[in-house]
Amino acid sequence: MTIKPIRNEDDLKRVFRRLEKIFQAGEGSAQADERDVLVTLIEAYENKHYDFGPADPVEAIKFRMEQDGLTPRDLEPFIGPSGRVSEVLNRKRPLSLRMVKRLHDGLNIPYESLLTEAS
């Protein structure tokens, strides 16, 4: 395994191509070690060269819903009645700190992703 720094977009594309080939490597293998190093290099390059801005709480919730196959009804224990869930998802109501805590505890959404607009 020869690891080189990512210095430009061409290097980044090269690393992504390699990562695609070894992404499913079994834990403990040399390819898994290489994968972990490449992911770290990519993260470092992206953090230095791209400004992703603060996380969007609604997008974080929608992402978790998509990942876990959740419906708006599944959010009721964390946000409240269906009308309130709808208001949050449609950006008509900000998240309260209570909602943030429940979403974090119940759905493991990072606080950093939820707190950018909490009131």
PDB file of N, CA and C in Angstrom:
ATOM      1  N   MET A   1       0.849  -1.162   0.000  1.00  0.00           N
ATOM      2  CA  MET A   1       0.000   0.000   0.000  1.00  0.00           C
ATOM      3  C   MET A   1       0.899   1.230   0.000  1.00  0.00           C
ATOM      4  N   THR A   2       0.739   2.065  -1.015  1.00  0.00           N
ATOM      5  CA  THR A   2       1.472   3.319  -1.091  1.00  0.00           C
ATOM      6  C   THR A   2       0.487   4.452  -0.918  1.00  0.00           C
ATOM      7  N   ILE A   3       0.620   5.186   0.159  1.00  0.00           N
ATOM      8  CA  ILE A   3      -0.290   6.276   0.461  1.00  0.00           C
ATOM      9  C   ILE A   3       0.424   7.596   0.174  1.00  0.00           C
ATOM     10  N   LYS A   4      -0.262   8.474  -0.562  1.00  0.00           N
ATOM     11  CA  LYS A   4       0.283   9.795  -0.874  1.00  0.00           C
ATOM     12  C   LYS A   4      -0.713  10.846  -0.425  1.00  0.00           C
ATOM     13  N   PRO A   5      -0.245  12.058  -0.130  1.00  0.00           N
ATOM     14  CA  PRO A   5      -1.171  13.119   0.261  1.00  0.00           C
ATOM     15  C   PRO A   5      -2.116  13.482  -0.885  1.00  0.00           C
ATOM     16  N   ILE A   6      -3.264  14.011  -0.531  1.00  0.00           N
ATOM     17  CA  ILE A   6      -4.200  14.531  -1.527  1.00  0.00           C
ATOM     18  C   ILE A   6      -3.911  16.026  -1.640  1.00  0.00           C
ATOM     19  N   ARG A   7      -3.429  16.438  -2.811  1.00  0.00           N
ATOM     20  CA  ARG A   7      -3.033  17.835  -2.990  1.00  0.00           C
ATOM     21  C   ARG A   7      -3.965  18.612  -3.916  1.00  0.00           C
ATOM     22  N   ASN A   8      -4.773  17.895  -4.719  1.00  0.00           N
ATOM     23  CA  ASN A   8      -5.645  18.583  -5.667  1.00  0.00           C
ATOM     24  C   ASN A   8      -6.830  17.677  -6.008  1.00  0.00           C
ATOM     25  N   GLU A   9      -7.707  18.185  -6.868  1.00  0.00           N
ATOM     26  CA  GLU A   9      -8.925  17.446  -7.225  1.00  0.00           C
ATOM     27  C   GLU A   9      -8.613  16.137  -7.963  1.00  0.00           C
ATOM     28  N   ASP A  10      -7.569  16.138  -8.778  1.00  0.00           N
ATOM     29  CA  ASP A  10      -7.190  14.895  -9.470  1.00  0.00           C
ATOM     30  C   ASP A  10      -6.764  13.822  -8.474  1.00  0.00           C
ATOM     31  N   ASP A  11      -5.991  14.230  -7.474  1.00  0.00           N
ATOM     32  CA  ASP A  11      -5.602  13.288  -6.414  1.00  0.00           C
ATOM     33  C   ASP A  11      -6.836  12.771  -5.687  1.00  0.00           C
ATOM     34  N   LEU A  12      -7.771  13.679  -5.412  1.00  0.00           N
ATOM     35  CA  LEU A  12      -8.991  13.300  -4.703  1.00  0.00           C
ATOM     36  C   LEU A  12      -9.781  12.263  -5.511  1.00  0.00           C
ATOM     37  N   LYS A  13      -9.918  12.485  -6.807  1.00  0.00           N
ATOM     38  CA  LYS A  13     -10.632  11.525  -7.657  1.00  0.00           C
ATOM     39  C   LYS A  13      -9.932  10.166  -7.663  1.00  0.00           C
ATOM     40  N   ARG A  14      -8.606  10.194  -7.720  1.00  0.00           N
ATOM     41  CA  ARG A  14      -7.824   8.956  -7.712  1.00  0.00           C
ATOM     42  C   ARG A  14      -8.079   8.179  -6.422  1.00  0.00           C
ATOM     43  N   VAL A  15      -8.086   8.888  -5.297  1.00  0.00           N
ATOM     44  CA  VAL A  15      -8.303   8.241  -4.003  1.00  0.00           C
ATOM     45  C   VAL A  15      -9.722   7.682  -3.914  1.00  0.00           C
ATOM     46  N   PHE A  16     -10.706   8.434  -4.427  1.00  0.00           N
ATOM     47  CA  PHE A  16     -12.077   7.930  -4.414  1.00  0.00           C
ATOM     48  C   PHE A  16     -12.211   6.655  -5.261  1.00  0.00           C
ATOM     49  N   ARG A  17     -11.552   6.627  -6.397  1.00  0.00           N
ATOM     50  CA  ARG A  17     -11.598   5.413  -7.236  1.00  0.00           C
ATOM     51  C   ARG A  17     -11.027   4.212  -6.482  1.00  0.00           C
ATOM     52  N   ARG A  18      -9.919   4.428  -5.802  1.00  0.00           N
ATOM     53  CA  ARG A  18      -9.318   3.340  -5.021  1.00  0.00           C
ATOM     54  C   ARG A  18     -10.231   2.933  -3.878  1.00  0.00           C
ATOM     55  N   LEU A  19     -10.799   3.919  -3.218  1.00  0.00           N
ATOM     56  CA  LEU A  19     -11.676   3.645  -2.084  1.00  0.00           C
ATOM     57  C   LEU A  19     -12.886   2.815  -2.510  1.00  0.00           C
ATOM     58  N   GLU A  20     -13.429   3.099  -3.691  1.00  0.00           N
ATOM     59  CA  GLU A  20     -14.559   2.314  -4.191  1.00  0.00           C
ATOM     60  C   GLU A  20     -14.200   0.833  -4.318  1.00  0.00           C
ATOM     61  N   LYS A  21     -12.963   0.548  -4.685  1.00  0.00           N
ATOM     62  CA  LYS A  21     -12.533  -0.836  -4.885  1.00  0.00           C
ATOM     63  C   LYS A  21     -12.352  -1.594  -3.574  1.00  0.00           C
ATOM     64  N   ILE A  22     -12.011  -0.896  -2.515  1.00  0.00           N
ATOM     65  CA  ILE A  22     -11.690  -1.585  -1.255  1.00  0.00           C
ATOM     66  C   ILE A  22     -12.669  -1.272  -0.132  1.00  0.00           C
ATOM     67  N   PHE A  23     -13.743  -0.566  -0.437  1.00  0.00           N
ATOM     68  CA  PHE A  23     -14.644  -0.097   0.611  1.00  0.00           C
ATOM     69  C   PHE A  23     -15.240  -1.227   1.448  1.00  0.00           C
ATOM     70  N   GLN A  24     -15.519  -2.352   0.841  1.00  0.00           N
ATOM     71  CA  GLN A  24     -16.148  -3.482   1.555  1.00  0.00           C
ATOM     72  C   GLN A  24     -15.140  -4.443   2.161  1.00  0.00           C
ATOM     73  N   ALA A  25     -13.903  -4.039   2.272  1.00  0.00           N
ATOM     74  CA  ALA A  25     -12.859  -4.918   2.817  1.00  0.00           C
ATOM     75  C   ALA A  25     -13.209  -5.374   4.227  1.00  0.00           C
ATOM     76  N   GLY A  26     -12.863  -6.602   4.523  1.00  0.00           N
ATOM     77  CA  GLY A  26     -13.124  -7.156   5.853  1.00  0.00           C
ATOM     78  C   GLY A  26     -12.263  -6.511   6.917  1.00  0.00           C
ATOM     79  N   GLU A  27     -12.848  -6.284   8.079  1.00  0.00           N
ATOM     80  CA  GLU A  27     -12.116  -5.663   9.188  1.00  0.00           C
ATOM     81  C   GLU A  27     -10.881  -6.477   9.532  1.00  0.00           C
ATOM     82  N   GLY A  28      -9.802  -5.758   9.820  1.00  0.00           N
ATOM     83  CA  GLY A  28      -8.561  -6.412  10.188  1.00  0.00           C
ATOM     84  C   GLY A  28      -7.667  -6.745   9.010  1.00  0.00           C
ATOM     85  N   SER A  29      -8.171  -6.548   7.796  1.00  0.00           N
ATOM     86  CA  SER A  29      -7.363  -6.841   6.610  1.00  0.00           C
ATOM     87  C   SER A  29      -6.516  -5.622   6.234  1.00  0.00           C
ATOM     88  N   ALA A  30      -5.517  -5.856   5.408  1.00  0.00           N
ATOM     89  CA  ALA A  30      -4.669  -4.750   4.938  1.00  0.00           C
ATOM     90  C   ALA A  30      -5.495  -3.749   4.142  1.00  0.00           C
ATOM     91  N   GLN A  31      -6.465  -4.235   3.379  1.00  0.00           N
ATOM     92  CA  GLN A  31      -7.316  -3.321   2.607  1.00  0.00           C
ATOM     93  C   GLN A  31      -8.210  -2.487   3.523  1.00  0.00           C
ATOM     94  N   ALA A  32      -8.659  -3.047   4.621  1.00  0.00           N
ATOM     95  CA  ALA A  32      -9.460  -2.279   5.580  1.00  0.00           C
ATOM     96  C   ALA A  32      -8.616  -1.180   6.203  1.00  0.00           C
ATOM     97  N   ASP A  33      -7.360  -1.496   6.498  1.00  0.00           N
ATOM     98  CA  ASP A  33      -6.457  -0.472   7.030  1.00  0.00           C
ATOM     99  C   ASP A  33      -6.248   0.634   6.002  1.00  0.00           C
ATOM    100  N   GLU A  34      -6.053   0.248   4.757  1.00  0.00           N
ATOM    101  CA  GLU A  34      -5.878   1.233   3.689  1.00  0.00           C
ATOM    102  C   GLU A  34      -7.135   2.086   3.546  1.00  0.00           C
ATOM    103  N   ARG A  35      -8.298   1.457   3.597  1.00  0.00           N
ATOM    104  CA  ARG A  35      -9.571   2.182   3.517  1.00  0.00           C
ATOM    105  C   ARG A  35      -9.664   3.234   4.608  1.00  0.00           C
ATOM    106  N   ASP A  36      -9.333   2.863   5.830  1.00  0.00           N
ATOM    107  CA  ASP A  36      -9.420   3.793   6.947  1.00  0.00           C
ATOM    108  C   ASP A  36      -8.474   4.974   6.772  1.00  0.00           C
ATOM    109  N   VAL A  37      -7.283   4.716   6.267  1.00  0.00           N
ATOM    110  CA  VAL A  37      -6.318   5.793   6.021  1.00  0.00           C
ATOM    111  C   VAL A  37      -6.826   6.708   4.909  1.00  0.00           C
ATOM    112  N   LEU A  38      -7.362   6.132   3.846  1.00  0.00           N
ATOM    113  CA  LEU A  38      -7.872   6.939   2.738  1.00  0.00           C
ATOM    114  C   LEU A  38      -9.051   7.807   3.173  1.00  0.00           C
ATOM    115  N   VAL A  39      -9.935   7.262   3.982  1.00  0.00           N
ATOM    116  CA  VAL A  39     -11.070   8.045   4.483  1.00  0.00           C
ATOM    117  C   VAL A  39     -10.565   9.235   5.301  1.00  0.00           C
ATOM    118  N   THR A  40      -9.555   9.012   6.121  1.00  0.00           N
ATOM    119  CA  THR A  40      -8.974  10.093   6.914  1.00  0.00           C
ATOM    120  C   THR A  40      -8.365  11.160   6.013  1.00  0.00           C
ATOM    121  N   LEU A  41      -7.659  10.742   4.983  1.00  0.00           N
ATOM    122  CA  LEU A  41      -7.069  11.701   4.046  1.00  0.00           C
ATOM    123  C   LEU A  41      -8.147  12.514   3.322  1.00  0.00           C
ATOM    124  N   ILE A  42      -9.197  11.846   2.899  1.00  0.00           N
ATOM    125  CA  ILE A  42     -10.291  12.533   2.214  1.00  0.00           C
ATOM    126  C   ILE A  42     -10.933  13.553   3.140  1.00  0.00           C
ATOM    127  N   GLU A  43     -11.218  13.153   4.369  1.00  0.00           N
ATOM    128  CA  GLU A  43     -11.819  14.073   5.332  1.00  0.00           C
ATOM    129  C   GLU A  43     -10.932  15.292   5.562  1.00  0.00           C
ATOM    130  N   ALA A  44      -9.654  15.078   5.709  1.00  0.00           N
ATOM    131  CA  ALA A  44      -8.725  16.191   5.932  1.00  0.00           C
ATOM    132  C   ALA A  44      -8.723  17.131   4.735  1.00  0.00           C
ATOM    133  N   TYR A  45      -8.679  16.579   3.539  1.00  0.00           N
ATOM    134  CA  TYR A  45      -8.680  17.412   2.328  1.00  0.00           C
ATOM    135  C   TYR A  45      -9.985  18.199   2.222  1.00  0.00           C
ATOM    136  N   GLU A  46     -11.114  17.528   2.424  1.00  0.00           N
ATOM    137  CA  GLU A  46     -12.407  18.203   2.309  1.00  0.00           C
ATOM    138  C   GLU A  46     -12.582  19.272   3.371  1.00  0.00           C
ATOM    139  N   ASN A  47     -12.156  19.001   4.593  1.00  0.00           N
ATOM    140  CA  ASN A  47     -12.273  20.009   5.652  1.00  0.00           C
ATOM    141  C   ASN A  47     -11.449  21.253   5.341  1.00  0.00           C
ATOM    142  N   LYS A  48     -10.334  21.046   4.669  1.00  0.00           N
ATOM    143  CA  LYS A  48      -9.453  22.164   4.342  1.00  0.00           C
ATOM    144  C   LYS A  48      -9.951  22.945   3.124  1.00  0.00           C
ATOM    145  N   HIS A  49     -10.560  22.257   2.150  1.00  0.00           N
ATOM    146  CA  HIS A  49     -10.878  22.898   0.877  1.00  0.00           C
ATOM    147  C   HIS A  49     -12.357  23.176   0.624  1.00  0.00           C
ATOM    148  N   TYR A  50     -13.235  22.626   1.421  1.00  0.00           N
ATOM    149  CA  TYR A  50     -14.666  22.826   1.198  1.00  0.00           C
ATOM    150  C   TYR A  50     -15.302  23.357   2.467  1.00  0.00           C
ATOM    151  N   ASP A  51     -16.164  24.349   2.297  1.00  0.00           N
ATOM    152  CA  ASP A  51     -16.922  24.877   3.427  1.00  0.00           C
ATOM    153  C   ASP A  51     -18.339  24.331   3.322  1.00  0.00           C
ATOM    154  N   PHE A  52     -18.623  23.329   4.126  1.00  0.00           N
ATOM    155  CA  PHE A  52     -19.949  22.733   4.090  1.00  0.00           C
ATOM    156  C   PHE A  52     -20.960  23.530   4.895  1.00  0.00           C
ATOM    157  N   GLY A  53     -20.498  24.463   5.707  1.00  0.00           N
ATOM    158  CA  GLY A  53     -21.398  25.269   6.520  1.00  0.00           C
ATOM    159  C   GLY A  53     -22.002  24.454   7.642  1.00  0.00           C
ATOM    160  N   PRO A  54     -22.788  25.106   8.458  1.00  0.00           N
ATOM    161  CA  PRO A  54     -23.402  24.383   9.576  1.00  0.00           C
ATOM    162  C   PRO A  54     -24.438  23.379   9.086  1.00  0.00           C
ATOM    163  N   ALA A  55     -24.607  22.341   9.848  1.00  0.00           N
ATOM    164  CA  ALA A  55     -25.588  21.316   9.511  1.00  0.00           C
ATOM    165  C   ALA A  55     -26.988  21.903   9.579  1.00  0.00           C
ATOM    166  N   ASP A  56     -27.878  21.371   8.790  1.00  0.00           N
ATOM    167  CA  ASP A  56     -29.273  21.793   8.777  1.00  0.00           C
ATOM    168  C   ASP A  56     -30.078  20.763   9.569  1.00  0.00           C
ATOM    169  N   PRO A  57     -30.718  21.182  10.651  1.00  0.00           N
ATOM    170  CA  PRO A  57     -31.434  20.215  11.498  1.00  0.00           C
ATOM    171  C   PRO A  57     -32.503  19.420  10.754  1.00  0.00           C
ATOM    172  N   VAL A  58     -33.273  20.089   9.903  1.00  0.00           N
ATOM    173  CA  VAL A  58     -34.338  19.377   9.185  1.00  0.00           C
ATOM    174  C   VAL A  58     -33.732  18.343   8.233  1.00  0.00           C
ATOM    175  N   GLU A  59     -32.647  18.707   7.560  1.00  0.00           N
ATOM    176  CA  GLU A  59     -32.003  17.749   6.667  1.00  0.00           C
ATOM    177  C   GLU A  59     -31.422  16.580   7.455  1.00  0.00           C
ATOM    178  N   ALA A  60     -30.908  16.845   8.654  1.00  0.00           N
ATOM    179  CA  ALA A  60     -30.384  15.769   9.498  1.00  0.00           C
ATOM    180  C   ALA A  60     -31.511  14.800   9.887  1.00  0.00           C
ATOM    181  N   ILE A  61     -32.670  15.345  10.203  1.00  0.00           N
ATOM    182  CA  ILE A  61     -33.822  14.503  10.558  1.00  0.00           C
ATOM    183  C   ILE A  61     -34.270  13.692   9.346  1.00  0.00           C
ATOM    184  N   LYS A  62     -34.382  14.347   8.195  1.00  0.00           N
ATOM    185  CA  LYS A  62     -34.815  13.650   6.982  1.00  0.00           C
ATOM    186  C   LYS A  62     -33.814  12.567   6.577  1.00  0.00           C
ATOM    187  N   PHE A  63     -32.540  12.852   6.767  1.00  0.00           N
ATOM    188  CA  PHE A  63     -31.516  11.856   6.456  1.00  0.00           C
ATOM    189  C   PHE A  63     -31.702  10.625   7.343  1.00  0.00           C
ATOM    190  N   ARG A  64     -31.920  10.841   8.645  1.00  0.00           N
ATOM    191  CA  ARG A  64     -32.131   9.709   9.562  1.00  0.00           C
ATOM    192  C   ARG A  64     -33.396   8.955   9.184  1.00  0.00           C
ATOM    193  N   MET A  65     -34.442   9.691   8.807  1.00  0.00           N
ATOM    194  CA  MET A  65     -35.688   9.036   8.400  1.00  0.00           C
ATOM    195  C   MET A  65     -35.435   8.121   7.201  1.00  0.00           C
ATOM    196  N   GLU A  66     -34.680   8.617   6.241  1.00  0.00           N
ATOM    197  CA  GLU A  66     -34.377   7.825   5.050  1.00  0.00           C
ATOM    198  C   GLU A  66     -33.530   6.607   5.409  1.00  0.00           C
ATOM    199  N   GLN A  67     -32.521   6.812   6.260  1.00  0.00           N
ATOM    200  CA  GLN A  67     -31.644   5.713   6.661  1.00  0.00           C
ATOM    201  C   GLN A  67     -32.413   4.593   7.346  1.00  0.00           C
ATOM    202  N   ASP A  68     -33.325   4.991   8.244  1.00  0.00           N
ATOM    203  CA  ASP A  68     -34.021   4.008   9.078  1.00  0.00           C
ATOM    204  C   ASP A  68     -35.412   3.643   8.559  1.00  0.00           C
ATOM    205  N   GLY A  69     -35.805   4.189   7.405  1.00  0.00           N
ATOM    206  CA  GLY A  69     -37.123   3.882   6.860  1.00  0.00           C
ATOM    207  C   GLY A  69     -38.254   4.400   7.724  1.00  0.00           C
ATOM    208  N   LEU A  70     -38.077   5.583   8.307  1.00  0.00           N
ATOM    209  CA  LEU A  70     -39.073   6.152   9.205  1.00  0.00           C
ATOM    210  C   LEU A  70     -40.075   7.020   8.448  1.00  0.00           C
ATOM    211  N   THR A  71     -41.260   7.113   8.990  1.00  0.00           N
ATOM    212  CA  THR A  71     -42.292   8.004   8.461  1.00  0.00           C
ATOM    213  C   THR A  71     -42.451   9.175   9.422  1.00  0.00           C
ATOM    214  N   PRO A  72     -43.134  10.230   8.988  1.00  0.00           N
ATOM    215  CA  PRO A  72     -43.378  11.337   9.923  1.00  0.00           C
ATOM    216  C   PRO A  72     -44.072  10.875  11.210  1.00  0.00           C
ATOM    217  N   ARG A  73     -44.938   9.909  11.105  1.00  0.00           N
ATOM    218  CA  ARG A  73     -45.623   9.395  12.303  1.00  0.00           C
ATOM    219  C   ARG A  73     -44.619   8.822  13.314  1.00  0.00           C
ATOM    220  N   ASP A  74     -43.532   8.240  12.813  1.00  0.00           N
ATOM    221  CA  ASP A  74     -42.508   7.680  13.699  1.00  0.00           C
ATOM    222  C   ASP A  74     -41.784   8.762  14.499  1.00  0.00           C
ATOM    223  N   LEU A  75     -41.883  10.013  14.064  1.00  0.00           N
ATOM    224  CA  LEU A  75     -41.215  11.116  14.765  1.00  0.00           C
ATOM    225  C   LEU A  75     -42.049  11.687  15.906  1.00  0.00           C
ATOM    226  N   GLU A  76     -43.309  11.310  15.991  1.00  0.00           N
ATOM    227  CA  GLU A  76     -44.196  11.871  17.008  1.00  0.00           C
ATOM    228  C   GLU A  76     -43.679  11.712  18.440  1.00  0.00           C
ATOM    229  N   PRO A  77     -43.077  10.584  18.820  1.00  0.00           N
ATOM    230  CA  PRO A  77     -42.569  10.481  20.198  1.00  0.00           C
ATOM    231  C   PRO A  77     -41.441  11.480  20.499  1.00  0.00           C
ATOM    232  N   PHE A  78     -40.786  11.967  19.463  1.00  0.00           N
ATOM    233  CA  PHE A  78     -39.640  12.855  19.651  1.00  0.00           C
ATOM    234  C   PHE A  78     -39.996  14.324  19.462  1.00  0.00           C
ATOM    235  N   ILE A  79     -40.977  14.604  18.598  1.00  0.00           N
ATOM    236  CA  ILE A  79     -41.306  15.992  18.259  1.00  0.00           C
ATOM    237  C   ILE A  79     -42.670  16.401  18.802  1.00  0.00           C
ATOM    238  N   GLY A  80     -43.616  15.490  18.785  1.00  0.00           N
ATOM    239  CA  GLY A  80     -44.963  15.805  19.255  1.00  0.00           C
ATOM    240  C   GLY A  80     -45.994  15.350  18.228  1.00  0.00           C
ATOM    241  N   PRO A  81     -47.222  15.872  18.361  1.00  0.00           N
ATOM    242  CA  PRO A  81     -48.311  15.445  17.464  1.00  0.00           C
ATOM    243  C   PRO A  81     -47.970  15.652  15.985  1.00  0.00           C
ATOM    244  N   SER A  82     -48.723  14.993  15.130  1.00  0.00           N
ATOM    245  CA  SER A  82     -48.430  14.998  13.692  1.00  0.00           C
ATOM    246  C   SER A  82     -48.369  16.402  13.105  1.00  0.00           C
ATOM    247  N   GLY A  83     -49.208  17.312  13.591  1.00  0.00           N
ATOM    248  CA  GLY A  83     -49.171  18.692  13.100  1.00  0.00           C
ATOM    249  C   GLY A  83     -47.844  19.359  13.398  1.00  0.00           C
ATOM    250  N   ARG A  84     -47.313  19.112  14.572  1.00  0.00           N
ATOM    251  CA  ARG A  84     -46.024  19.686  14.949  1.00  0.00           C
ATOM    252  C   ARG A  84     -44.892  19.064  14.127  1.00  0.00           C
ATOM    253  N   VAL A  85     -44.960  17.755  13.905  1.00  0.00           N
ATOM    254  CA  VAL A  85     -43.956  17.090  13.068  1.00  0.00           C
ATOM    255  C   VAL A  85     -43.959  17.721  11.680  1.00  0.00           C
ATOM    256  N   SER A  86     -45.143  17.915  11.125  1.00  0.00           N
ATOM    257  CA  SER A  86     -45.272  18.517   9.805  1.00  0.00           C
ATOM    258  C   SER A  86     -44.683  19.928   9.781  1.00  0.00           C
ATOM    259  N   GLU A  87     -44.968  20.711  10.797  1.00  0.00           N
ATOM    260  CA  GLU A  87     -44.428  22.077  10.865  1.00  0.00           C
ATOM    261  C   GLU A  87     -42.907  22.065  10.906  1.00  0.00           C
ATOM    262  N   VAL A  88     -42.329  21.161  11.686  1.00  0.00           N
ATOM    263  CA  VAL A  88     -40.861  21.069  11.774  1.00  0.00           C
ATOM    264  C   VAL A  88     -40.283  20.663  10.427  1.00  0.00           C
ATOM    265  N   LEU A  89     -40.837  19.610   9.819  1.00  0.00           N
ATOM    266  CA  LEU A  89     -40.300  19.106   8.557  1.00  0.00           C
ATOM    267  C   LEU A  89     -40.471  20.107   7.411  1.00  0.00           C
ATOM    268  N   ASN A  90     -41.466  20.986   7.529  1.00  0.00           N
ATOM    269  CA  ASN A  90     -41.695  22.011   6.507  1.00  0.00           C
ATOM    270  C   ASN A  90     -41.089  23.364   6.895  1.00  0.00           C
ATOM    271  N   ARG A  91     -40.271  23.343   7.942  1.00  0.00           N
ATOM    272  CA  ARG A  91     -39.524  24.531   8.388  1.00  0.00           C
ATOM    273  C   ARG A  91     -40.422  25.684   8.842  1.00  0.00           C
ATOM    274  N   LYS A  92     -41.590  25.350   9.341  1.00  0.00           N
ATOM    275  CA  LYS A  92     -42.503  26.376   9.852  1.00  0.00           C
ATOM    276  C   LYS A  92     -42.402  26.512  11.365  1.00  0.00           C
ATOM    277  N   ARG A  93     -41.709  25.568  11.995  1.00  0.00           N
ATOM    278  CA  ARG A  93     -41.508  25.591  13.445  1.00  0.00           C
ATOM    279  C   ARG A  93     -40.077  25.142  13.717  1.00  0.00           C
ATOM    280  N   PRO A  94     -39.349  25.932  14.524  1.00  0.00           N
ATOM    281  CA  PRO A  94     -37.985  25.495  14.877  1.00  0.00           C
ATOM    282  C   PRO A  94     -38.036  24.382  15.922  1.00  0.00           C
ATOM    283  N   LEU A  95     -36.959  23.653  16.021  1.00  0.00           N
ATOM    284  CA  LEU A  95     -36.852  22.632  17.056  1.00  0.00           C
ATOM    285  C   LEU A  95     -36.669  23.303  18.411  1.00  0.00           C
ATOM    286  N   SER A  96     -37.342  22.768  19.417  1.00  0.00           N
ATOM    287  CA  SER A  96     -37.105  23.218  20.788  1.00  0.00           C
ATOM    288  C   SER A  96     -35.960  22.381  21.357  1.00  0.00           C
ATOM    289  N   LEU A  97     -35.413  22.821  22.458  1.00  0.00           N
ATOM    290  CA  LEU A  97     -34.341  22.046  23.086  1.00  0.00           C
ATOM    291  C   LEU A  97     -34.835  20.678  23.533  1.00  0.00           C
ATOM    292  N   ARG A  98     -36.086  20.606  23.950  1.00  0.00           N
ATOM    293  CA  ARG A  98     -36.666  19.314  24.350  1.00  0.00           C
ATOM    294  C   ARG A  98     -36.718  18.359  23.151  1.00  0.00           C
ATOM    295  N   MET A  99     -37.137  18.884  21.975  1.00  0.00           N
ATOM    296  CA  MET A  99     -37.171  18.056  20.770  1.00  0.00           C
ATOM    297  C   MET A  99     -35.768  17.592  20.398  1.00  0.00           C
ATOM    298  N   VAL A 100     -34.797  18.502  20.492  1.00  0.00           N
ATOM    299  CA  VAL A 100     -33.414  18.166  20.161  1.00  0.00           C
ATOM    300  C   VAL A 100     -32.941  17.014  21.028  1.00  0.00           C
ATOM    301  N   LYS A 101     -33.182  17.107  22.326  1.00  0.00           N
ATOM    302  CA  LYS A 101     -32.739  16.044  23.238  1.00  0.00           C
ATOM    303  C   LYS A 101     -33.409  14.719  22.900  1.00  0.00           C
ATOM    304  N   ARG A 102     -34.703  14.752  22.645  1.00  0.00           N
ATOM    305  CA  ARG A 102     -35.423  13.517  22.320  1.00  0.00           C
ATOM    306  C   ARG A 102     -34.933  12.902  21.005  1.00  0.00           C
ATOM    307  N   LEU A 103     -34.709  13.758  19.995  1.00  0.00           N
ATOM    308  CA  LEU A 103     -34.216  13.255  18.708  1.00  0.00           C
ATOM    309  C   LEU A 103     -32.819  12.658  18.851  1.00  0.00           C
ATOM    310  N   HIS A 104     -31.999  13.318  19.658  1.00  0.00           N
ATOM    311  CA  HIS A 104     -30.645  12.802  19.886  1.00  0.00           C
ATOM    312  C   HIS A 104     -30.706  11.462  20.624  1.00  0.00           C
ATOM    313  N   ASP A 105     -31.442  11.421  21.709  1.00  0.00           N
ATOM    314  CA  ASP A 105     -31.521  10.210  22.528  1.00  0.00           C
ATOM    315  C   ASP A 105     -32.221   9.066  21.791  1.00  0.00           C
ATOM    316  N   GLY A 106     -33.285   9.381  21.065  1.00  0.00           N
ATOM    317  CA  GLY A 106     -34.089   8.336  20.442  1.00  0.00           C
ATOM    318  C   GLY A 106     -33.606   7.882  19.079  1.00  0.00           C
ATOM    319  N   LEU A 107     -33.048   8.813  18.302  1.00  0.00           N
ATOM    320  CA  LEU A 107     -32.647   8.474  16.933  1.00  0.00           C
ATOM    321  C   LEU A 107     -31.149   8.610  16.700  1.00  0.00           C
ATOM    322  N   ASN A 108     -30.416   8.952  17.747  1.00  0.00           N
ATOM    323  CA  ASN A 108     -28.956   9.094  17.661  1.00  0.00           C
ATOM    324  C   ASN A 108     -28.512  10.110  16.616  1.00  0.00           C
ATOM    325  N   ILE A 109     -29.273  11.190  16.473  1.00  0.00           N
ATOM    326  CA  ILE A 109     -28.861  12.274  15.587  1.00  0.00           C
ATOM    327  C   ILE A 109     -27.928  13.158  16.408  1.00  0.00           C
ATOM    328  N   PRO A 110     -26.741  13.461  15.913  1.00  0.00           N
ATOM    329  CA  PRO A 110     -25.785  14.257  16.696  1.00  0.00           C
ATOM    330  C   PRO A 110     -26.353  15.622  17.095  1.00  0.00           C
ATOM    331  N   TYR A 111     -26.046  16.035  18.302  1.00  0.00           N
ATOM    332  CA  TYR A 111     -26.479  17.351  18.771  1.00  0.00           C
ATOM    333  C   TYR A 111     -26.030  18.448  17.817  1.00  0.00           C
ATOM    334  N   GLU A 112     -24.810  18.323  17.283  1.00  0.00           N
ATOM    335  CA  GLU A 112     -24.265  19.353  16.409  1.00  0.00           C
ATOM    336  C   GLU A 112     -25.135  19.566  15.185  1.00  0.00           C
ATOM    337  N   SER A 113     -25.790  18.511  14.722  1.00  0.00           N
ATOM    338  CA  SER A 113     -26.652  18.621  13.557  1.00  0.00           C
ATOM    339  C   SER A 113     -28.010  19.214  13.890  1.00  0.00           C
ATOM    340  N   LEU A 114     -28.400  19.116  15.135  1.00  0.00           N
ATOM    341  CA  LEU A 114     -29.743  19.560  15.537  1.00  0.00           C
ATOM    342  C   LEU A 114     -29.777  20.947  16.164  1.00  0.00           C
ATOM    343  N   LEU A 115     -28.677  21.415  16.705  1.00  0.00           N
ATOM    344  CA  LEU A 115     -28.693  22.632  17.509  1.00  0.00           C
ATOM    345  C   LEU A 115     -28.504  23.936  16.735  1.00  0.00           C
ATOM    346  N   THR A 116     -28.310  23.898  15.462  1.00  0.00           N
ATOM    347  CA  THR A 116     -28.027  25.134  14.742  1.00  0.00           C
ATOM    348  C   THR A 116     -29.193  26.108  14.728  1.00  0.00           C
ATOM    349  N   GLU A 117     -30.427  25.614  14.940  1.00  0.00           N
ATOM    350  CA  GLU A 117     -31.572  26.515  14.934  1.00  0.00           C
ATOM    351  C   GLU A 117     -32.480  26.303  16.141  1.00  0.00           C
ATOM    352  N   ALA A 118     -32.041  25.576  17.150  1.00  0.00           N
ATOM    353  CA  ALA A 118     -32.918  25.290  18.296  1.00  0.00           C
ATOM    354  C   ALA A 118     -33.203  26.563  19.077  1.00  0.00           C
ATOM    355  N   SER A 119     -34.409  26.633  19.611  1.00  0.00           N
ATOM    356  CA  SER A 119     -34.775  27.810  20.418  1.00  0.00           C
ATOM    357  C   SER A 119     -35.039  27.399  21.850  1.00  0.00           C
TER     358      SER A 119
END
